[in-house]
Protein backbone atom coordinates (compact mmCIF):
# COMPACT_ATOMS: atom_id res chain seq x y z
CA MET A 1 -179.85 -154.17 116.87
CA ASP A 2 -183.29 -153.27 115.60
CA ALA A 3 -184.81 -156.32 113.88
CA ARG A 4 -185.86 -154.28 110.83
CA ILE A 5 -182.34 -152.94 110.32
CA GLN A 6 -180.87 -156.39 110.85
CA GLY A 7 -183.24 -157.79 108.22
CA LEU A 8 -182.32 -155.07 105.74
CA LEU A 9 -178.61 -155.63 106.32
CA GLU A 10 -179.06 -159.37 105.77
CA LYS A 11 -180.87 -158.63 102.49
CA ALA A 12 -178.11 -156.22 101.45
CA TRP A 13 -175.48 -158.89 102.12
CA GLU A 14 -177.48 -161.46 100.16
CA ILE A 15 -177.85 -159.08 97.20
CA GLU A 16 -174.13 -158.31 97.13
CA ASN A 17 -173.23 -161.98 97.44
CA LYS A 18 -175.69 -162.87 94.67
CA SER A 19 -174.15 -160.14 92.50
CA ILE A 20 -170.63 -161.47 93.05
CA ILE A 21 -171.66 -165.04 92.22
CA ALA A 22 -173.60 -163.92 89.14
CA TYR A 23 -170.80 -161.78 87.72
CA MET A 24 -168.20 -164.47 88.39
CA GLY A 25 -170.48 -166.87 86.56
CA TRP A 26 -170.69 -164.48 83.61
CA ILE A 27 -166.91 -164.15 83.51
CA LYS A 28 -166.61 -167.94 83.41
CA ILE A 29 -169.21 -168.27 80.64
CA LEU A 30 -167.61 -165.50 78.58
CA SER A 31 -164.19 -167.11 78.98
CA GLU A 32 -165.54 -170.53 78.00
CA ILE A 33 -167.05 -169.20 74.77
CA GLY A 34 -163.83 -167.42 73.94
CA ILE A 35 -164.62 -163.79 74.75
CA LYS A 36 -161.48 -162.58 76.41
CA ASN A 37 -161.76 -158.88 75.58
CA LYS A 38 -159.76 -156.96 78.20
CA GLU A 39 -162.15 -154.01 78.27
CA ILE A 40 -165.16 -156.25 78.94
CA ARG A 41 -163.23 -158.30 81.50
CA ASP A 42 -161.96 -155.17 83.29
CA PHE A 43 -165.45 -153.64 83.37
CA ILE A 44 -166.98 -156.76 84.93
CA ALA A 45 -164.04 -157.07 87.32
CA LYS A 46 -164.65 -153.51 88.57
CA ILE A 47 -168.30 -154.32 89.28
CA VAL A 48 -167.28 -157.48 91.14
CA GLU A 49 -164.68 -155.53 93.14
CA ASP A 50 -167.30 -152.96 94.13
CA SER A 51 -169.73 -155.71 95.14
CA VAL A 52 -167.04 -157.33 97.29
CA ILE A 53 -166.39 -153.99 99.00
CA HIS A 54 -170.14 -153.47 99.50
CA LYS A 55 -170.53 -156.94 100.98
CA ARG A 56 -167.59 -156.44 103.37
CA LEU A 57 -168.91 -153.00 104.39
CA VAL A 58 -172.31 -154.52 105.17
CA GLU A 59 -170.57 -157.18 107.28
CA ALA A 60 -168.54 -154.52 109.10
CA ILE A 61 -171.60 -152.34 109.69
CA THR A 62 -173.55 -155.32 111.02
CA GLU A 63 -170.72 -156.20 113.39
CA ALA A 64 -170.31 -152.56 114.45
CA LEU A 65 -174.02 -152.19 115.24
CA ASN A 66 -173.94 -155.39 117.30
CA ASP A 67 -170.80 -154.20 119.11
CA ARG A 68 -172.46 -150.84 119.77
CA GLU A 69 -175.39 -152.59 121.43
CA ASP A 70 -172.99 -154.64 123.58
CA ILE A 71 -171.10 -151.48 124.59
CA LYS A 72 -174.33 -149.67 125.48
CA ASP A 73 -175.40 -152.62 127.62
CA GLU A 74 -172.04 -152.64 129.40
CA ILE A 75 -172.12 -148.89 130.01
CA PHE A 76 -175.64 -149.05 131.43
CA ARG A 77 -174.67 -151.97 133.69
CA SER A 78 -171.56 -150.20 134.95
CA SER A 79 -173.32 -146.84 135.43
CA SER A 80 -176.21 -148.20 137.46
CA ARG A 81 -174.62 -146.56 140.51
CA GLU A 82 -174.96 -143.08 139.00
CA GLY A 83 -174.48 -140.26 141.44
CA LEU A 84 -172.23 -142.20 143.83
CA MET A 85 -168.98 -140.80 142.43
CA GLU A 86 -167.93 -137.39 143.60
CA CYS A 87 -166.01 -135.04 141.34
CA ASP A 88 -163.10 -134.30 143.62
CA ASP A 89 -159.83 -132.89 142.26
CA GLU A 90 -158.46 -136.36 141.51
CA VAL A 91 -161.53 -137.35 139.45
CA LEU A 92 -161.51 -133.99 137.67
CA MET A 93 -157.82 -134.41 136.80
CA LEU A 94 -158.45 -137.95 135.52
CA LEU A 95 -161.36 -136.81 133.34
CA LYS A 96 -159.32 -133.89 131.95
CA ARG A 97 -156.44 -136.25 131.12
CA MET A 98 -158.87 -138.62 129.40
CA ILE A 99 -160.36 -135.75 127.38
CA LYS A 100 -156.93 -134.51 126.29
CA GLU A 101 -155.81 -138.01 125.30
CA HIS A 102 -158.93 -138.73 123.29
CA ASP A 103 -158.88 -135.31 121.68
CA GLU A 104 -155.41 -136.11 120.32
CA ILE A 105 -156.54 -139.57 119.18
CA GLU A 106 -159.56 -138.12 117.34
CA LYS A 107 -157.42 -135.49 115.59
CA ASP A 108 -154.84 -138.11 114.56
CA ALA A 109 -157.59 -140.41 113.30
CA ALA A 110 -159.19 -137.61 111.26
CA GLU A 111 -155.84 -136.82 109.63
CA LEU A 112 -155.18 -140.49 108.92
CA TYR A 113 -158.55 -140.99 107.19
CA LYS A 114 -158.04 -137.81 105.16
CA GLU A 115 -154.66 -139.15 104.05
CA LEU A 116 -156.25 -142.50 103.17
CA SER A 117 -158.93 -140.72 101.14
CA HIS A 118 -156.19 -139.06 99.09
CA SER A 119 -154.23 -142.30 98.75
CA VAL A 120 -156.83 -144.57 97.16
CA ASP A 121 -158.06 -144.48 93.58
CA ASP A 122 -161.35 -146.23 94.21
CA GLU A 123 -164.09 -143.58 94.46
CA LEU A 124 -166.20 -145.61 96.89
CA LEU A 125 -163.32 -146.13 99.32
CA LYS A 126 -162.27 -142.49 98.93
CA ASN A 127 -165.79 -141.40 99.97
CA VAL A 128 -165.90 -143.88 102.87
CA PHE A 129 -162.60 -142.51 104.21
CA ILE A 130 -163.84 -138.92 103.81
CA LEU A 131 -166.97 -139.76 105.80
CA ILE A 132 -164.95 -141.46 108.53
CA ALA A 133 -162.62 -138.42 108.71
CA ARG A 134 -165.64 -136.14 109.12
CA ASP A 135 -166.99 -138.41 111.85
CA GLU A 136 -163.65 -138.29 113.67
CA GLU A 137 -163.78 -134.47 113.46
CA ARG A 138 -167.27 -134.64 114.95
CA HIS A 139 -165.84 -136.73 117.80
CA ASP A 140 -163.30 -133.98 118.36
CA LYS A 141 -166.24 -131.58 118.87
CA TYR A 142 -167.78 -134.12 121.26
CA MET A 143 -164.64 -133.94 123.38
CA GLU A 144 -165.05 -130.15 123.61
CA GLU A 145 -168.67 -130.63 124.69
CA PHE A 146 -167.68 -133.35 127.16
CA GLU A 147 -165.11 -131.03 128.69
CA ARG A 148 -167.80 -128.38 129.24
CA ILE A 149 -170.05 -131.00 130.86
CA VAL A 150 -167.22 -132.19 133.13
CA ASP A 151 -166.44 -128.60 134.13
CA ARG A 152 -170.10 -127.88 134.89
CA VAL A 153 -170.74 -131.13 136.78
CA CYS A 154 -167.50 -131.20 138.72
CA ARG A 155 -167.50 -127.52 139.63
CA THR A 156 -170.93 -127.61 141.28
């Protein structure tokens, strides 16, 4: 992962963690001095909940970016013999089957994330699920493009 991005993600995590600790401290102080107003408590709790979600999203994004780098490295290592594989009928059939399978997976995933977006009340999570659904739909378009590439490469 790019060092600048990694540094920014670390700062984001620290800010969210600091926010959680600070708000939890305020809740404790307010409780100790006898302020137990439900509206105030619920408002602070919502901010803490959002900060927890933000912190966990930053952790997940950090892990995903690291995983992506590992996957890229593995793909480049395994594709160092580019050009050695011929696109005979068997390879073409295998690639077509893979495309069909992943096309179905991407469509199912998009529908699932849309359903999740309609199932949660939290606006942040709703928007995250909507974005993931859109990304899955984009992957579906990638499969169409990949199929055209396979047809072009294997038919020549």
